[in-house]
Structure formats: C-alpha cells, structure tokens
Protein backbone atom coordinates (compact mmCIF):
# COMPACT_ATOMS: atom_id res chain seq x y z
CA MET A 1 74.38 28.44 92.37
CA VAL A 2 76.08 30.67 94.95
CA ASP A 3 75.54 34.38 94.36
CA PRO A 4 79.02 36.04 94.56
CA LEU A 5 77.44 39.40 95.46
CA ARG A 6 76.28 37.81 98.70
CA TYR A 7 79.92 37.74 99.82
CA LEU A 8 81.24 40.77 97.97
CA LEU A 9 78.68 43.25 99.29
CA PRO A 10 79.71 43.01 102.97
CA ILE A 11 83.36 43.38 101.95
CA LEU A 12 82.60 46.46 99.85
CA LEU A 13 80.63 48.01 102.70
CA LEU A 14 83.51 47.34 105.10
CA VAL A 15 85.96 49.03 102.72
CA LEU A 16 83.70 52.07 102.47
CA LEU A 17 83.48 52.29 106.24
CA ILE A 18 87.22 52.19 106.88
CA ILE A 19 88.18 54.71 104.17
CA PRO A 20 87.51 58.16 105.62
CA ALA A 21 85.90 60.82 103.45
CA ALA A 22 88.38 63.42 102.23
CA ALA A 23 88.08 66.67 104.16
CA HIS A 24 89.42 68.62 101.20
CA ASP A 25 88.56 67.83 97.60
CA PRO A 26 91.82 67.81 95.60
CA GLY A 27 91.53 70.01 92.57
CA THR A 28 89.71 72.74 94.48
CA LEU A 29 91.02 75.68 96.49
CA THR A 30 89.48 75.89 99.94
CA VAL A 31 89.91 78.99 102.09
CA SER A 32 88.44 78.83 105.60
CA PHE A 33 88.14 81.95 107.74
CA LEU A 34 88.14 80.29 111.15
CA ASP A 35 86.04 81.60 114.02
CA VAL A 36 88.67 82.43 116.64
CA GLY A 37 86.97 85.35 118.34
CA GLN A 38 88.75 88.70 118.17
CA GLY A 39 91.60 87.55 115.95
CA ASP A 40 92.53 86.13 112.57
CA ALA A 41 93.10 82.55 111.45
CA ILE A 42 92.80 81.55 107.80
CA LEU A 43 93.37 78.03 106.50
CA VAL A 44 94.24 77.65 102.81
CA GLN A 45 94.08 74.19 101.21
CA ALA A 46 95.47 74.17 97.69
CA PRO A 47 94.34 72.05 94.73
CA ASN A 48 97.49 69.91 95.15
CA ASP A 49 96.40 69.20 98.76
CA ARG A 50 99.17 71.28 100.33
CA ALA A 51 98.15 73.58 103.18
CA MET A 52 98.97 77.05 104.47
CA LEU A 53 97.81 78.73 107.68
CA VAL A 54 97.73 82.52 107.92
CA ASP A 55 97.67 83.53 111.62
CA ALA A 56 96.17 81.54 114.49
CA GLY A 57 94.29 83.95 116.75
CA GLU A 58 95.06 84.59 120.42
CA ALA A 59 96.61 82.01 122.73
CA TRP A 60 93.23 80.69 123.87
CA ALA A 61 92.30 80.01 120.22
CA GLY A 62 95.27 77.69 119.62
CA PRO A 63 93.36 74.51 120.59
CA THR A 64 90.46 75.58 118.34
CA VAL A 65 92.75 76.06 115.34
CA SER A 66 94.55 72.78 116.08
CA ALA A 67 91.22 70.94 116.27
CA ASP A 68 90.18 72.44 112.92
CA LEU A 69 93.44 71.24 111.36
CA THR A 70 92.91 67.76 112.78
CA ALA A 71 89.34 67.69 111.47
CA GLU A 72 90.69 68.49 108.00
CA GLY A 73 93.24 65.68 108.27
CA ILE A 74 96.16 68.13 108.18
CA ALA A 75 99.35 66.92 109.87
CA ARG A 76 101.68 69.27 107.98
CA LEU A 77 101.45 72.94 107.08
CA ASP A 78 103.70 73.70 104.15
CA TYR A 79 103.62 77.37 105.07
CA LEU A 80 102.78 79.03 108.38
CA ILE A 81 102.36 82.76 107.92
CA ALA A 82 102.24 85.39 110.64
CA SER A 83 100.78 88.50 109.05
CA HIS A 84 102.34 90.49 111.92
CA ASP A 85 103.24 90.08 115.58
CA ASP A 86 100.05 91.19 117.35
CA ASP A 87 98.91 88.65 119.94
CA ASP A 88 95.50 88.19 118.31
CA HIS A 89 97.26 86.89 115.20
CA ILE A 90 100.18 84.83 116.53
CA GLY A 91 99.14 83.89 120.08
CA GLY A 92 97.68 80.54 119.00
CA ILE A 93 100.66 79.47 116.90
CA SER A 94 102.54 77.98 119.87
CA GLU A 95 99.75 75.44 120.36
CA VAL A 96 99.54 74.72 116.63
CA LEU A 97 103.26 73.83 116.63
CA ARG A 98 102.49 71.00 119.07
CA HIS A 99 100.17 69.28 116.61
CA VAL A 100 101.55 69.72 113.08
CA THR A 101 104.89 69.94 111.32
CA ILE A 102 105.81 73.15 109.52
CA GLY A 103 107.60 73.49 106.20
CA GLU A 104 108.47 77.19 106.41
CA PHE A 105 107.53 80.12 108.63
CA VAL A 106 106.83 83.44 106.89
CA ASN A 107 106.53 86.79 108.67
CA ASN A 108 106.72 90.52 108.00
CA GLY A 109 110.40 90.90 108.85
CA LEU A 110 109.99 93.30 111.78
CA PRO A 111 111.81 92.55 115.06
CA ALA A 112 109.93 90.59 117.70
CA ASP A 113 108.72 93.37 120.00
CA THR A 114 106.47 91.43 122.38
CA GLU A 115 106.99 88.51 124.74
CA THR A 116 104.55 86.45 122.69
CA ALA A 117 106.59 87.04 119.53
CA ALA A 118 109.92 86.33 121.24
CA HIS A 119 108.51 83.13 122.71
CA LEU A 120 107.29 82.06 119.26
CA TRP A 121 110.68 82.69 117.66
CA SER A 122 112.29 80.57 120.36
CA LEU A 123 109.92 77.68 119.64
CA LEU A 124 110.55 77.95 115.90
CA ALA A 125 114.30 77.81 116.52
CA ASP A 126 113.97 74.80 118.81
CA GLN A 127 112.16 72.92 116.06
CA GLY A 128 114.59 74.05 113.36
CA ILE A 129 111.82 75.61 111.27
CA PRO A 130 113.24 77.85 108.51
CA SER A 131 111.85 81.36 108.27
CA LEU A 132 111.43 83.94 105.54
CA ALA A 133 110.62 87.64 105.76
CA ALA A 134 108.02 88.28 103.05
CA THR A 135 108.42 91.35 100.85
CA ALA A 136 106.11 92.89 98.25
CA GLY A 137 106.85 91.25 94.92
CA ASP A 138 107.55 87.81 96.41
CA THR A 139 105.48 84.76 95.57
CA ILE A 140 104.81 81.78 97.82
CA PRO A 141 105.03 78.49 95.88
CA LEU A 142 102.18 76.70 97.63
CA ASP A 143 100.85 75.19 94.39
CA PRO A 144 102.54 76.95 91.45
CA ALA A 145 100.85 74.76 88.83
CA ASN A 146 97.41 75.88 89.94
CA ILE A 147 97.39 79.02 92.08
CA THR A 148 99.44 82.19 92.36
CA VAL A 149 100.13 83.48 95.87
CA SER A 150 101.56 87.01 95.62
CA VAL A 151 102.89 89.18 98.44
CA LEU A 152 101.64 92.79 98.14
CA ASN A 153 102.96 94.10 101.48
CA PRO A 154 105.24 94.93 103.34
CA PRO A 155 107.62 96.90 101.12
CA ALA A 156 111.37 96.34 101.15
CA ASP A 157 111.85 99.55 103.16
CA ARG A 158 109.85 98.41 106.16
CA GLY A 159 108.82 100.83 108.85
CA THR A 160 108.12 100.08 112.50
CA ASP A 161 104.31 99.76 112.48
CA GLN A 162 103.25 96.12 112.77
CA ASN A 163 99.79 96.78 111.32
CA GLU A 164 100.90 98.82 108.31
CA ASP A 165 103.63 96.27 107.58
CA SER A 166 101.24 93.31 107.77
CA VAL A 167 101.85 90.60 105.21
CA VAL A 168 99.17 91.07 102.54
CA LEU A 169 98.55 88.16 100.17
CA ARG A 170 96.58 87.80 96.95
CA LEU A 171 95.60 84.29 95.84
CA ILE A 172 94.46 83.65 92.26
CA PHE A 173 92.89 80.38 91.06
CA GLY A 174 91.39 80.70 87.60
CA ASN A 175 88.90 83.56 87.79
CA GLN A 176 88.52 83.25 91.57
CA SER A 177 90.72 85.38 93.84
CA PHE A 178 91.26 86.16 97.51
CA LEU A 179 92.88 89.19 99.15
CA LEU A 180 94.10 88.60 102.72
CA THR A 181 95.08 91.86 104.39
CA GLY A 182 96.05 91.10 108.00
CA ASP A 183 95.74 94.32 110.00
CA ALA A 184 96.89 96.57 107.15
CA GLY A 185 95.51 100.09 107.49
CA THR A 186 94.89 102.87 105.01
CA GLU A 187 98.62 103.72 104.84
CA ALA A 188 99.41 100.23 103.57
CA GLU A 189 96.35 100.28 101.31
CA ASP A 190 97.49 103.55 99.69
CA ARG A 191 100.96 102.10 99.25
CA ILE A 192 99.55 99.04 97.49
CA LEU A 193 97.34 101.22 95.28
CA ALA A 194 100.32 103.39 94.32
CA VAL A 195 102.13 100.37 92.86
CA GLY A 196 99.36 100.11 90.30
CA GLN A 197 99.14 96.33 90.10
CA PRO A 198 95.75 94.60 89.82
CA ILE A 199 94.19 93.88 93.21
CA ALA A 200 90.57 93.20 92.23
CA SER A 201 89.48 90.11 94.16
CA THR A 202 86.38 87.98 94.48
CA TYR A 203 86.85 87.63 98.24
CA LEU A 204 88.31 90.27 100.56
CA LYS A 205 89.44 89.48 104.09
CA VAL A 206 88.78 92.93 105.52
CA GLY A 207 91.74 94.64 107.20
CA HIS A 208 92.09 95.05 110.97
CA HIS A 209 88.82 93.31 111.89
CA GLY A 210 86.73 95.97 110.15
CA SER A 211 88.30 98.88 112.04
CA SER A 212 87.75 102.44 110.84
CA THR A 213 91.54 102.65 110.28
CA SER A 214 91.30 100.28 107.31
CA THR A 215 89.25 99.62 104.18
CA GLY A 216 89.35 103.08 102.62
CA THR A 217 86.99 103.99 99.79
CA GLY A 218 89.69 103.96 97.11
CA PHE A 219 90.92 100.57 98.23
CA VAL A 220 87.41 99.09 98.28
CA ASN A 221 86.76 100.41 94.79
CA ALA A 222 89.99 98.90 93.48
CA VAL A 223 89.41 95.51 95.10
CA ASN A 224 85.72 95.49 94.12
CA PRO A 225 84.97 92.37 96.15
CA THR A 226 81.93 90.19 95.63
CA VAL A 227 82.19 89.00 99.23
CA ALA A 228 83.92 90.60 102.23
CA ILE A 229 84.75 88.60 105.36
CA ILE A 230 85.49 90.31 108.68
CA GLU A 231 87.17 88.30 111.44
CA ALA A 232 85.98 89.80 114.72
CA GLY A 233 84.87 88.54 118.12
CA ARG A 234 81.52 88.78 119.85
CA PHE A 235 81.34 91.60 122.41
CA ASN A 236 84.87 92.69 121.50
CA LEU A 237 86.11 95.76 123.36
CA PHE A 238 86.91 97.62 120.13
CA HIS A 239 83.35 97.41 118.76
CA HIS A 240 84.64 95.88 115.55
CA PRO A 241 83.48 95.97 112.86
CA ASN A 242 82.88 99.66 112.36
CA GLN A 243 79.38 100.17 110.93
CA ALA A 244 80.56 102.75 108.40
CA VAL A 245 83.09 100.24 107.05
CA VAL A 246 80.38 97.59 106.74
CA LYS A 247 78.14 100.06 104.89
CA ARG A 248 81.00 101.12 102.59
CA LEU A 249 81.58 97.52 101.60
CA GLN A 250 77.89 96.82 101.09
CA GLU A 251 77.40 99.94 98.99
CA SER A 252 80.28 98.78 96.78
CA GLY A 253 78.23 95.67 96.01
CA ALA A 254 79.87 93.25 98.45
CA THR A 255 78.00 90.78 100.61
CA VAL A 256 79.52 91.06 104.09
CA TYR A 257 80.04 88.26 106.60
CA THR A 258 81.59 88.37 110.07
CA THR A 259 82.85 85.40 112.04
CA ALA A 260 81.12 86.92 115.08
CA GLU A 261 77.74 86.40 113.43
CA SER A 262 78.36 83.63 110.87
CA GLY A 263 81.01 81.53 112.61
CA THR A 264 83.63 79.95 110.38
CA VAL A 265 83.25 81.03 106.75
CA ARG A 266 84.47 78.40 104.28
CA VAL A 267 84.89 79.05 100.56
CA THR A 268 85.46 76.18 98.13
CA ALA A 269 86.57 77.36 94.70
CA THR A 270 87.13 75.82 91.30
CA ARG A 271 88.76 77.75 88.48
CA THR A 272 85.42 79.15 87.36
CA ASN A 273 83.16 79.45 90.40
CA SER A 274 82.98 79.09 94.16
CA ARG A 275 80.68 78.05 96.99
CA LEU A 276 80.46 79.73 100.41
CA GLU A 277 79.30 77.99 103.58
CA THR A 278 79.09 79.16 107.18
CA THR A 279 78.81 77.26 110.44
CA GLN A 280 76.42 79.69 112.09
CA GLY A 281 74.36 82.03 109.94
CA PRO A 282 73.94 84.21 106.84
CA GLU A 283 75.44 87.55 105.85
CA LEU A 284 75.03 90.87 107.65
CA PRO A 285 71.90 92.91 106.89
CA ILE A 286 72.09 96.12 104.88
CA THR A 287 71.00 99.63 105.87
CA LEU A 288 67.24 100.16 105.85
CA PRO A 289 65.73 102.98 103.74
CA GLY A 290 65.81 106.29 105.59
CA PHE A 291 68.65 105.33 107.95
CA SER A 292 72.36 106.05 107.79
CA LEU A 293 73.95 102.88 109.19
CA PRO A 294 73.24 99.14 108.99
CA PRO A 295 71.47 97.25 111.80
CA THR A 296 73.45 95.63 114.61
CA ASP A 297 72.99 92.65 116.92
CA PRO A 298 73.60 94.03 120.44
CA ASP A 299 73.36 90.67 122.24
CA PHE A 300 74.88 88.50 119.47
CA ASP A 301 71.94 86.12 119.45
CA GLY A 302 71.83 86.12 115.65
CA THR A 303 68.91 88.53 115.23
CA PHE A 304 69.46 92.24 114.62
CA GLU A 305 67.16 94.02 117.05
CA ASP A 306 69.00 97.34 116.56
CA VAL A 307 67.05 97.86 113.35
CA ASP A 308 67.89 101.54 112.88
CA GLY A 309 71.63 101.04 113.45
CA ASN A 310 72.02 103.48 116.35
CA GLN A 311 73.89 100.95 118.53
CA GLN A 312 71.03 100.44 120.98
CA ARG A 313 67.79 98.52 121.29
CA ASP A 314 64.87 100.88 121.83
CA PHE A 315 61.34 101.79 120.75
CA ALA A 316 62.64 103.46 117.59
CA ASP A 317 63.64 99.98 116.39
CA VAL A 318 60.08 98.73 116.88
CA VAL A 319 58.78 101.61 114.76
CA ALA A 320 61.44 101.05 112.09
CA TYR A 321 60.67 97.33 111.92
CA PHE A 322 56.91 97.95 111.63
CA ASN A 323 57.31 100.59 108.91
CA GLN A 324 59.84 98.60 106.88
CA MET A 325 58.48 95.08 107.39
CA ASP A 326 57.74 94.44 103.72
CA TRP A 327 61.09 95.88 102.66
CA ILE A 328 62.92 93.74 105.23
CA GLU A 329 61.19 90.61 103.98
CA ALA A 330 62.14 91.40 100.38
CA ASN A 331 65.72 92.60 100.88
CA GLU A 332 67.24 91.24 104.07
CA PRO A 333 68.31 87.74 105.18
CA VAL A 334 65.16 86.55 106.96
CA ASP A 335 67.07 84.75 109.73
CA ARG A 336 68.56 88.06 110.87
CA PHE A 337 65.11 89.56 111.54
CA ASP A 338 63.14 86.49 112.60
CA ILE A 339 62.97 87.70 116.19
CA ASP A 340 60.15 85.37 117.25
CA ARG A 341 61.87 82.40 115.54
CA ASN A 342 58.90 81.31 113.44
CA GLY A 343 60.83 81.26 110.17
CA GLN A 344 59.41 84.42 108.64
CA VAL A 345 59.26 88.20 108.90
CA ASP A 346 55.85 89.24 110.22
CA PHE A 347 53.99 91.25 112.84
CA GLY A 348 54.89 88.66 115.46
CA ASP A 349 58.49 89.90 115.22
CA VAL A 350 57.34 93.46 115.92
CA ILE A 351 55.50 92.30 119.04
CA ARG A 352 58.47 90.24 120.22
CA LEU A 353 60.85 93.15 119.65
CA PHE A 354 58.58 95.45 121.67
CA THR A 355 58.60 93.03 124.61
CA ILE A 356 62.40 92.74 124.79
CA ILE A 357 63.61 96.29 124.12
CA ASP A 358 64.00 97.00 127.85
CA GLU A 359 65.63 93.68 128.73
CA PRO A 360 69.25 94.12 129.85
CA ILE A 361 71.97 92.96 127.48
CA VAL A 362 74.44 90.81 129.38
CA THR A 363 77.99 91.29 128.15
CA PRO A 364 80.34 88.48 129.17
CA THR A 365 83.56 89.47 130.89
CA PRO A 366 86.45 88.66 128.54
CA THR A 367 89.09 86.27 129.82
CA PRO A 368 92.58 87.69 129.28
CA SER A 369 94.94 85.56 127.23
CA PRO A 370 97.86 84.07 129.16
CA THR A 371 101.22 85.69 128.53
CA PRO A 372 104.07 83.26 127.87
CA THR A 373 106.67 83.24 130.62
CA MET A 374 110.04 84.41 129.34
CA THR A 375 113.43 83.96 130.93
CA GLN A 376 115.96 86.79 131.07
CA GLU A 377 118.02 87.01 127.89
CA PRO A 378 121.70 86.12 128.33
CA ASP A 379 124.58 88.49 127.69
CA TYR A 380 125.33 88.04 123.98
CA THR A 381 129.09 88.63 123.64
CA LEU A 382 128.91 88.01 119.89
CA VAL A 383 130.45 89.81 116.92
CA ILE A 384 130.05 89.19 113.19
CA THR A 385 133.66 88.86 112.08
CA GLY A 386 133.24 87.85 108.45
CA LEU A 387 130.82 88.20 105.52
CA ASP A 388 131.75 86.60 102.20
CA LEU A 389 129.20 87.74 99.62
CA ALA A 390 130.50 85.57 96.80
CA ASN A 391 130.97 82.35 98.74
CA GLU A 392 127.83 82.88 100.79
CA TRP A 393 128.94 82.58 104.41
CA VAL A 394 128.98 84.64 107.62
CA SER A 395 131.22 84.07 110.63
CA VAL A 396 130.24 84.90 114.22
CA GLN A 397 132.68 84.94 117.15
CA ASN A 398 132.00 84.70 120.87
CA THR A 399 134.38 87.32 122.30
CA GLY A 400 133.34 86.68 125.88
CA GLU A 401 134.67 84.40 128.60
CA ALA A 402 131.56 82.19 128.86
CA PRO A 403 129.59 80.05 126.39
CA VAL A 404 126.68 81.79 124.63
CA ASP A 405 123.43 80.05 123.70
CA LEU A 406 122.43 81.26 120.20
CA THR A 407 119.15 79.35 120.16
CA GLY A 408 116.45 81.57 118.64
CA CYS A 409 118.87 84.28 117.52
CA THR A 410 118.54 85.34 113.89
CA LEU A 411 120.89 86.24 111.06
CA SER A 412 119.47 88.35 108.25
CA ASP A 413 120.46 90.32 105.17
CA ALA A 414 119.68 93.97 104.40
CA GLY A 415 115.95 94.56 104.68
CA SER A 416 115.52 91.16 106.41
CA THR A 417 114.50 89.59 103.12
CA HIS A 418 116.16 86.35 104.25
CA VAL A 419 116.20 85.35 107.90
CA TYR A 420 118.09 82.41 109.40
CA THR A 421 117.00 81.29 112.86
CA PHE A 422 119.65 79.52 114.91
CA PRO A 423 118.68 76.03 116.07
CA SER A 424 119.67 74.76 119.50
CA PHE A 425 123.34 75.78 119.46
CA THR A 426 125.89 76.96 122.03
CA LEU A 427 129.09 78.75 121.01
CA ALA A 428 132.04 78.24 123.33
CA ALA A 429 134.00 81.20 124.69
CA GLY A 430 136.46 82.52 122.12
CA SER A 431 135.09 80.23 119.39
CA THR A 432 133.78 81.09 115.93
CA VAL A 433 130.91 79.54 113.98
CA THR A 434 130.40 79.94 110.23
CA ILE A 435 126.88 80.02 108.82
CA HIS A 436 126.74 78.80 105.21
CA THR A 437 123.85 79.58 102.87
CA GLY A 438 123.81 76.12 101.28
CA SER A 439 123.53 72.61 102.69
CA GLY A 440 126.06 70.54 104.58
CA GLN A 441 126.86 68.64 107.75
CA THR A 442 126.38 70.67 110.93
CA THR A 443 129.38 70.69 113.27
CA GLY A 444 130.49 72.69 116.27
CA THR A 445 132.01 75.29 113.94
CA ASP A 446 129.73 75.19 110.89
CA LEU A 447 125.98 75.67 110.49
CA PHE A 448 124.01 75.44 107.24
CA TRP A 449 120.99 77.47 106.13
CA GLY A 450 119.94 74.76 103.68
CA LEU A 451 118.89 77.13 100.88
CA GLY A 452 119.26 76.39 97.19
CA SER A 453 119.68 80.02 96.15
CA SER A 454 121.87 82.98 97.09
CA VAL A 455 121.15 85.22 100.07
CA TRP A 456 123.91 87.81 99.98
CA ASN A 457 123.96 90.53 97.31
CA ASN A 458 127.34 90.60 95.58
CA ASP A 459 126.93 94.32 94.91
CA GLY A 460 126.94 94.97 98.65
CA ASP A 461 124.99 93.74 101.65
CA THR A 462 124.69 93.92 105.43
CA ALA A 463 124.53 90.97 107.81
CA ALA A 464 122.63 91.55 111.06
CA LEU A 465 122.76 89.26 114.09
CA LYS A 466 119.80 89.72 116.44
CA ARG A 467 118.58 88.41 119.78
CA PRO A 468 115.39 86.29 119.82
CA SER A 469 113.58 89.46 120.91
CA GLY A 470 114.71 91.17 117.69
CA THR A 471 117.24 93.63 119.12
CA VAL A 472 120.52 93.88 117.21
CA ILE A 473 123.68 92.27 118.60
CA SER A 474 126.09 92.94 115.75
CA THR A 475 126.15 94.02 112.09
CA LEU A 476 128.73 93.89 109.33
CA THR A 477 128.51 95.59 105.92
CA ARG A 478 130.45 94.61 102.82
CA PRO A 479 130.40 96.89 99.75
C-alpha cells in the first residue's frame, strides 16, 4: 500500500517554505524605536496590521528607515507623522516616500521654515498626499477598534517654536500605553500638565533626545513610566542624553534605554502585557552609591568605563569599580560592566579598566547631512477672492499676467487645523480656481479636497493661502 504521507510531506514543506513568516503579529501593538543616530524614527504597527511612522531621522537615515519598513513587509503607511520640522526628524522622509505609499501626512501646523521642510512639502504635493495639522484633542484613527491615539500637543493657538509645538501622541492598548513626545520641552510639558488629562504611560519616548530642556520632574512624576526610551546618536555633538535627565527618570522607577547604546528598541504589546527587545544591548546603568550621576560610556563600545559618572575615564573609575564590585554585580546590567568580556563582573574587569584608562578615545568626525537643492520660488500673483463657509469652497484668482504654478502651495483654515496641499496644478493668467472641501472631478477650474466632513466654521473662519515655504500669499476672513 502506498503511504500518502510520502507525497504529502514534501508538498507541505514546500508550502511552508514559500509562505513568509509575518513580521508583525496581528492582534498585537508593536512600537519600534528605530536606531537612526541623532534623530527620531518610531514605527507603530497596530493590531489591525495598519502602520504609522512618526519621524524618519536625518536625510542619511532615510535608507535605514526604508530598509526597516521593507523588512517588516510594509508597503503602505496609513499615517506619516512629522512631530516637527527639524532636520533630524523629517530629513529621512523624502527617501521613505520613494518606497512606500502614504495615506495621510500629519504635522504640527507651523509654516515650513527650512529648505528641508519646503522640499518635503513639495514632494507631498507632487504625490497628492493629503495633510492634516494635528491639534491637542484630536485622535488619529489608526485602529479605533483596538487602540486610542490621542494628540496632546500642539494647542490650537500655536506659537512659533518648532520644539514646543511638537506633535505629542499618547497610544493606549488595553493597560499598555506609550507617550511619544517629539522634541517637546518643559514649556509644552507644563501646558499638557495644565490640561489635567491622564498622561501616565507604560513607555515614554523621552523628549528632545534626553536634553536638559525637557523631561521636567513634574512631567516625569505624572507620566510615571515603567520604561523610558531616548533616541540619541553615538558621539553626538550635543552630549545627549543629559545625565541628570537619565538619573531623574531612573529615580522615578523607570528603566532607561538609549538607541545609542541599545540600538533599535522594539516593544510588542498585548492588552495586558508587553515584551521589550533590543538589537544591541541592555538598559543604561544606574548611579553607584556615593556618586551623583550615572556612569557613561565614553567610547560607545557598550561598556561603561566612566564608572563615577564624571564624563571621563580615569583612575577614580578604577577605584570606584573596585570598591563597588559586589554592588555592581548585584544591581547593574552585567554586560555594561564586563570590561574584559568574560561574561561576569570580577577583578579582571578592574585590571582591564586600569590598563585602558589612558588610551585615547577616538571620536569619529560626523558627516553632515546633505541639504536638498531648492529652486527660487516664483512670483505668486494670487488672491483669495471667495470663501463660502456654508457651501465649503474657496476661490483663488491669478491676478498676474503669467501662469502661476501652485504645486506645493497650501490652503488652510484658522489655526491650520485643516491643510490642503495643491497637487501639480498651474493657474493661467487671469483665471480662477475653486477648491471644494468634498469630492468631485478635478478640472482646470475646480479642485477637490476629498474630505467627508466640513472644514470651514460657519460662525466665522479665515482662509490662508501659503507658499510651499509656509509664507502667506493671501488671506480672506468671513464672519
């Protein structure tokens, strides 16, 4: 008798080989803090398998972020969020746009005030990607059935400081939560605290790369994180993270990781618990008894030879290590103090530390990020001639004697809560184009925002037409 398994087994093995393993387990929330050097890039994969990217590091990090997306099998980002317009947060987005499609672009609503930002807005317009200026109180419907994504900052009355008006997000999935703070400083933190809403979070993405301008004591106490993640680069010129900030977080009870020391930090959460993995190493060590600041790793080799936390490697570290050897073994991550690489904390580490304290620390010369080349902006002879609040349309006329390319220009309401980015479109001299809030067939005289809800406030609103760089061309107010 012929054994059917003899023929079925090879077929089953072939099927298993050609079906790739899922990079993201549906039903879980995965948040990956990508190692992009001195910058931020956070990939969020929702339980419904939709994806959101918050920032993408500097320009040089774009290929790294794109490769990470490819490795996760992501061909579409439902939301691409720029916390603010600093180059170390949006520089890599241009490269990302070459590899994935984007559902909606979300930013902080401030005008593009750098060449990198203006270049990005132009690319978004070319691809017809809709944009939204996030405001505190908004929610982002990434996976409404499973997670809540709330916007805590910026406020409706935005200022002019990119950092303080960073988009701050709080993600909640069951009893697991994440607070993503961009480069928000203590001013934004105090503003969020004043609102009085709950901000306690399991995981805190520390503001402004661990700078001393962020992560105030009151904010840390209110967030009460179990884990804090700092996105910062090795040998960065700003000496981020600040040691006092690290200590403040650790004394609050948080375990602190940095991408500089731990590489990419990936958290996979269910509704009731979570698992953290790193690509490079464990958490940062805590302050030793008798010292005021936590140890540091001057050469970023993974071991913390600056045992006493005074920002240098010297004989005092040898003495501190020898005196606190038992305490280090009992309280610190062993890998961070295994200087002789034998897998344990012992006298061999003291000897090894003594032999290297005078060795020079070689700091690599940072490579500057390329600046996108921008062409001179044209003369925008444009005027907003009509704003119909009830029927939801705005008309724009070219009053000049030459055609005007509106590609990348934006149309927004008061406070830039809603922002329309013009696709590739040229308005002839003397002609008028009407921008409708709803959907319809684009023509030479009519463009459509494609929204299913109202933009213009019937109690009074202001339409603002701006260049791709963010400077105002024309405004019109209707009471």
